Amino acid sequence: MKPLLLMLLTTFSLPVFSQTLPAGDSLPQAQQLLQTIDERLQPESYEMYRKLINIEPNGKRKEFVLYTVKHDKDKVAALFLDPASERGRTTLRVGENMWLYIPNVGKPLRITSLQSVVGGVFNNSDILQLDYSVEYNAVDLQEAGDHLVLTLKAKNRSVAYDQLIMQVDKTHKVPMKIEAYSASGMLIKTLHYSKLKDFGNGYLRPAQLETDSPLYKGFKSVMLFDGLKSRNFAPEVFSLEFMSRIGELRQ
């Protein structure tokens, strides 16, 4: 698949949108909206549980349950609780760097944003996602009927997607749909947010994220969010030495 991907990455172009807000107003409003979206989706530091479901074209499913913790804007760690074959594995992200810890294997292994520790359509960048404003600049904002269209550009080449086209709920200021593009303009995947849920403390946000990709026809992956709540952690929690102990944080 890799040669095919490289060929495709050089052949497609991004769609052009119309009805852009006035030039003097678009950028400041776009930046503010991006900040608001991050604040609505999650606290700066938190814990939560997620279920990841990979669905193949024949209907076969594989499910994973993860306990996830985040600190500040650039530190995320996740512990696999299920299935039994994955139990005890942990992943860690600090800025652009990512690692996978496998019990009894030894030291943590470096992984990349475009790989996937669970297979399926979600990659490691999706699973260990930072605030959107950490990796992207808002470069355009448009009105489109009952929603807004926000365009985000990656701050550097290490970000998994070069550009995001995000449909935003006007009322709740949360994403509804995100199209993720490569630097050449190829559509890599589409992310669909749904099922607004009140997680308490002002966090009314989607409880489900589903993704599909033209590169994986017939496959889709779903992420379900639960137990999201603000919680502070010591910086040492997000270190290679602590990866084997993430389970100690569960209350």
Protein backbone atom coordinates (compact mmCIF):
# COMPACT_ATOMS: atom_id res chain seq x y z
CA MET A 1 0.00 0.00 0.00
CA LYS A 2 2.88 2.43 0.70
CA PRO A 3 3.87 3.04 -2.96
CA LEU A 4 0.21 3.63 -3.81
CA LEU A 5 -0.15 6.11 -0.96
CA LEU A 6 2.94 8.03 -2.09
CA MET A 7 1.56 8.24 -5.62
CA LEU A 8 -1.86 9.42 -4.42
CA LEU A 9 -0.36 12.03 -2.11
CA THR A 10 0.95 13.90 -5.15
CA THR A 11 -2.15 13.93 -7.31
CA PHE A 12 -5.12 15.42 -5.47
CA SER A 13 -6.04 19.02 -4.67
CA LEU A 14 -8.07 20.51 -1.87
CA PRO A 15 -11.63 21.73 -2.48
CA VAL A 16 -12.17 25.47 -2.70
CA PHE A 17 -14.89 26.97 -0.49
CA SER A 18 -16.87 30.11 -1.14
CA GLN A 19 -18.66 32.64 1.02
CA THR A 20 -15.64 33.35 3.20
CA LEU A 21 -16.12 35.92 5.93
CA PRO A 22 -14.64 39.37 5.24
CA ALA A 23 -10.82 39.23 5.19
CA GLY A 24 -10.46 41.59 8.12
CA ASP A 25 -12.73 39.50 10.32
CA SER A 26 -12.05 35.90 9.34
CA LEU A 27 -8.66 35.18 10.95
CA PRO A 28 -9.26 36.59 14.47
CA GLN A 29 -12.67 34.92 14.61
CA ALA A 30 -11.20 31.64 13.36
CA GLN A 31 -8.47 31.65 16.02
CA GLN A 32 -10.98 32.40 18.75
CA LEU A 33 -13.33 29.67 17.57
CA LEU A 34 -10.49 27.12 17.56
CA GLN A 35 -9.64 28.03 21.14
CA THR A 36 -13.29 27.72 22.14
CA ILE A 37 -13.57 24.29 20.50
CA ASP A 38 -10.61 23.00 22.51
CA GLU A 39 -12.12 24.34 25.73
CA ARG A 40 -15.52 22.78 24.98
CA LEU A 41 -14.14 19.36 24.09
CA GLN A 42 -12.07 18.70 27.21
CA PRO A 43 -10.30 20.18 30.24
CA GLU A 44 -6.63 21.00 29.84
CA SER A 45 -5.80 18.11 32.21
CA TYR A 46 -8.20 15.19 32.56
CA GLU A 47 -8.87 11.47 32.81
CA MET A 48 -11.41 9.48 30.79
CA TYR A 49 -12.31 6.06 29.45
CA ARG A 50 -12.68 5.20 25.78
CA LYS A 51 -13.83 2.23 23.76
CA LEU A 52 -12.33 1.83 20.29
CA ILE A 53 -14.14 -0.40 17.82
CA ASN A 54 -12.66 -1.47 14.49
CA ILE A 55 -15.25 -2.75 11.99
CA GLU A 56 -14.22 -4.65 8.87
CA PRO A 57 -16.24 -4.79 5.62
CA ASN A 58 -17.52 -8.29 6.53
CA GLY A 59 -18.86 -6.96 9.86
CA LYS A 60 -16.10 -8.45 12.01
CA ARG A 61 -15.38 -6.24 15.03
CA LYS A 62 -12.45 -5.83 17.37
CA GLU A 63 -12.83 -3.73 20.52
CA PHE A 64 -10.37 -2.05 22.85
CA VAL A 65 -10.97 -0.27 26.17
CA LEU A 66 -8.49 2.43 27.20
CA TYR A 67 -7.99 4.52 30.31
CA THR A 68 -6.56 7.86 29.20
CA VAL A 69 -4.94 10.74 31.09
CA LYS A 70 -3.76 14.12 29.82
CA HIS A 71 -1.73 16.91 31.41
CA ASP A 72 -1.25 20.43 30.10
CA LYS A 73 -1.38 20.80 26.32
CA ASP A 74 1.17 18.27 25.11
CA LYS A 75 1.19 15.19 27.36
CA VAL A 76 -1.14 12.19 26.92
CA ALA A 77 -0.92 8.59 28.14
CA ALA A 78 -3.28 5.65 27.68
CA LEU A 79 -3.53 2.23 29.35
CA PHE A 80 -5.14 -0.76 27.61
CA LEU A 81 -7.69 -2.50 29.83
CA ASP A 82 -9.22 -4.84 27.23
CA PRO A 83 -8.92 -7.17 25.40
CA ALA A 84 -6.90 -9.47 27.62
CA SER A 85 -4.24 -9.86 24.93
CA GLU A 86 -3.50 -6.11 25.11
CA ARG A 87 -3.99 -5.57 28.84
CA GLY A 88 -1.18 -3.65 30.50
CA ARG A 89 0.13 -2.05 27.34
CA THR A 90 0.49 1.72 27.53
CA THR A 91 1.14 4.51 25.08
CA LEU A 92 2.68 7.89 25.82
CA ARG A 93 2.83 11.12 23.88
CA VAL A 94 4.93 14.11 24.85
CA GLY A 95 4.75 16.78 22.19
CA GLU A 96 5.58 15.15 18.87
CA ASN A 97 7.19 12.06 20.46
CA MET A 98 5.28 8.81 21.03
CA TRP A 99 6.09 5.48 22.67
CA LEU A 100 4.49 2.07 23.21
CA TYR A 101 5.19 0.00 26.34
CA ILE A 102 4.57 -3.76 26.21
CA PRO A 103 4.86 -5.68 29.49
CA ASN A 104 7.80 -8.09 29.60
CA VAL A 105 9.31 -6.68 26.42
CA GLY A 106 11.72 -4.21 27.99
CA LYS A 107 12.13 -0.53 27.31
CA PRO A 108 9.36 1.46 25.57
CA LEU A 109 9.37 1.42 21.78
CA ARG A 110 9.21 4.54 19.64
CA ILE A 111 6.11 4.79 17.45
CA THR A 112 4.98 7.36 14.90
CA SER A 113 1.82 9.41 14.49
CA LEU A 114 0.72 7.66 11.30
CA GLN A 115 1.10 4.14 12.70
CA SER A 116 -1.73 2.56 14.71
CA VAL A 117 -1.34 0.54 17.91
CA VAL A 118 -4.90 -0.77 17.46
CA GLY A 119 -5.07 -1.22 13.69
CA GLY A 120 -8.15 0.07 11.93
CA VAL A 121 -8.60 3.59 10.61
CA PHE A 122 -7.57 5.51 13.74
CA ASN A 123 -3.84 6.21 13.84
CA ASN A 124 -1.71 7.03 16.88
CA SER A 125 -2.25 10.75 16.39
CA ASP A 126 -6.02 10.20 16.64
CA ILE A 127 -5.68 7.98 19.71
CA LEU A 128 -3.23 10.29 21.51
CA GLN A 129 -4.77 13.53 20.30
CA LEU A 130 -3.66 16.89 21.64
CA ASP A 131 -5.73 20.08 21.59
CA TYR A 132 -6.28 21.14 17.99
CA SER A 133 -4.68 24.52 18.68
CA VAL A 134 -1.42 22.83 19.71
CA GLU A 135 -0.86 21.39 16.24
CA TYR A 136 -2.87 23.69 13.97
CA ASN A 137 -3.39 27.33 13.14
CA ALA A 138 -6.85 28.51 12.14
CA VAL A 139 -6.53 30.11 8.71
CA ASP A 140 -10.10 30.58 7.51
CA LEU A 141 -13.67 30.71 8.80
CA GLN A 142 -16.87 30.58 6.75
CA GLU A 143 -20.58 30.41 7.41
CA ALA A 144 -22.49 27.55 5.80
CA GLY A 145 -26.15 27.54 6.77
CA ASP A 146 -26.63 26.01 10.19
CA HIS A 147 -22.93 25.41 10.81
CA LEU A 148 -19.51 27.04 10.49
CA VAL A 149 -16.60 25.81 8.37
CA LEU A 150 -13.19 26.24 9.99
CA THR A 151 -9.97 25.58 8.07
CA LEU A 152 -6.88 24.54 10.04
CA LYS A 153 -3.30 24.37 8.79
CA ALA A 154 -0.61 22.24 10.46
CA LYS A 155 2.06 24.23 12.28
CA ASN A 156 4.83 21.93 11.03
CA ARG A 157 5.41 18.85 8.89
CA SER A 158 5.44 16.43 11.81
CA VAL A 159 1.65 16.80 12.28
CA ALA A 160 -0.31 13.80 10.97
CA TYR A 161 -2.58 15.86 8.71
CA ASP A 162 -1.51 18.94 6.80
CA GLN A 163 -4.95 20.52 6.71
CA LEU A 164 -8.32 20.01 8.41
CA ILE A 165 -11.67 21.24 7.15
CA MET A 166 -13.93 21.26 10.22
CA GLN A 167 -17.70 21.68 10.28
CA VAL A 168 -18.61 23.25 13.62
CA ASP A 169 -21.94 23.29 15.44
CA LYS A 170 -22.91 26.97 15.68
CA THR A 171 -24.71 26.58 19.00
CA HIS A 172 -22.39 24.33 20.99
CA LYS A 173 -19.09 25.23 19.26
CA VAL A 174 -17.99 21.61 18.89
CA PRO A 175 -16.92 19.72 15.74
CA MET A 176 -19.54 17.87 13.71
CA LYS A 177 -17.36 16.61 10.87
CA ILE A 178 -13.67 16.91 10.02
CA GLU A 179 -12.01 16.17 6.69
CA ALA A 180 -8.28 15.48 7.06
CA TYR A 181 -5.99 16.16 4.10
CA SER A 182 -2.38 15.46 3.19
CA ALA A 183 0.06 18.18 2.12
CA SER A 184 -0.77 17.42 -1.54
CA GLY A 185 -4.48 17.80 -0.87
CA MET A 186 -5.53 14.16 -0.78
CA LEU A 187 -8.43 13.33 1.53
CA ILE A 188 -6.94 10.89 4.07
CA LYS A 189 -9.98 10.35 6.27
CA THR A 190 -13.23 11.86 7.49
CA LEU A 191 -14.10 12.08 11.18
CA HIS A 192 -17.73 12.29 12.28
CA TYR A 193 -18.58 13.57 15.78
CA SER A 194 -22.02 12.73 17.20
CA LYS A 195 -24.14 12.01 20.30
CA LEU A 196 -23.81 15.19 22.37
CA LYS A 197 -23.50 14.29 26.04
CA ASP A 198 -23.26 16.31 29.25
CA PHE A 199 -20.07 15.16 31.01
CA GLY A 200 -20.61 17.67 33.82
CA ASN A 201 -18.81 20.90 34.74
CA GLY A 202 -19.88 22.55 31.49
CA TYR A 203 -18.55 19.88 29.14
CA LEU A 204 -21.37 19.26 26.67
CA ARG A 205 -19.53 17.53 23.88
CA PRO A 206 -19.84 14.63 21.41
CA ALA A 207 -19.56 11.20 23.03
CA GLN A 208 -18.86 9.38 19.78
CA LEU A 209 -16.28 9.79 17.02
CA GLU A 210 -16.45 7.66 13.88
CA THR A 211 -13.94 7.68 11.05
CA ASP A 212 -13.71 6.26 7.55
CA SER A 213 -11.13 6.63 4.82
CA PRO A 214 -11.02 6.31 1.02
CA LEU A 215 -7.74 4.45 1.59
CA TYR A 216 -9.53 1.74 3.61
CA LYS A 217 -12.75 1.19 1.68
CA GLY A 218 -15.41 -0.59 3.70
CA PHE A 219 -13.54 -0.26 6.99
CA LYS A 220 -14.52 2.11 9.76
CA SER A 221 -13.47 2.78 13.34
CA VAL A 222 -15.51 4.19 16.21
CA MET A 223 -14.37 5.85 19.45
CA LEU A 224 -16.77 6.15 22.40
CA PHE A 225 -15.99 8.56 25.26
CA ASP A 226 -17.02 8.13 28.89
CA GLY A 227 -16.04 9.28 32.38
CA LEU A 228 -14.40 12.49 31.20
CA LYS A 229 -13.47 14.69 34.15
CA SER A 230 -10.89 17.28 35.07
CA ARG A 231 -7.93 15.97 37.04
CA ASN A 232 -4.38 17.19 37.59
CA PHE A 233 -1.35 14.93 37.45
CA ALA A 234 2.28 15.26 38.45
CA PRO A 235 4.62 15.82 35.47
CA GLU A 236 6.52 12.58 36.21
CA VAL A 237 3.41 10.58 35.29
CA PHE A 238 4.18 11.41 31.64
CA SER A 239 7.63 9.85 31.52
CA LEU A 240 9.08 6.63 30.10
CA GLU A 241 9.82 5.41 33.62
CA PHE A 242 6.15 5.68 34.64
CA MET A 243 4.63 3.94 31.61
CA SER A 244 4.38 0.59 33.40
CA ARG A 245 2.56 2.24 36.33
CA ILE A 246 -0.24 4.13 34.58
CA GLY A 247 -2.76 1.71 36.08
CA GLU A 248 -1.95 3.05 39.57
CA LEU A 249 -3.74 6.29 38.62
CA ARG A 250 -7.16 4.68 38.32
CA GLN A 251 -9.42 5.56 41.24
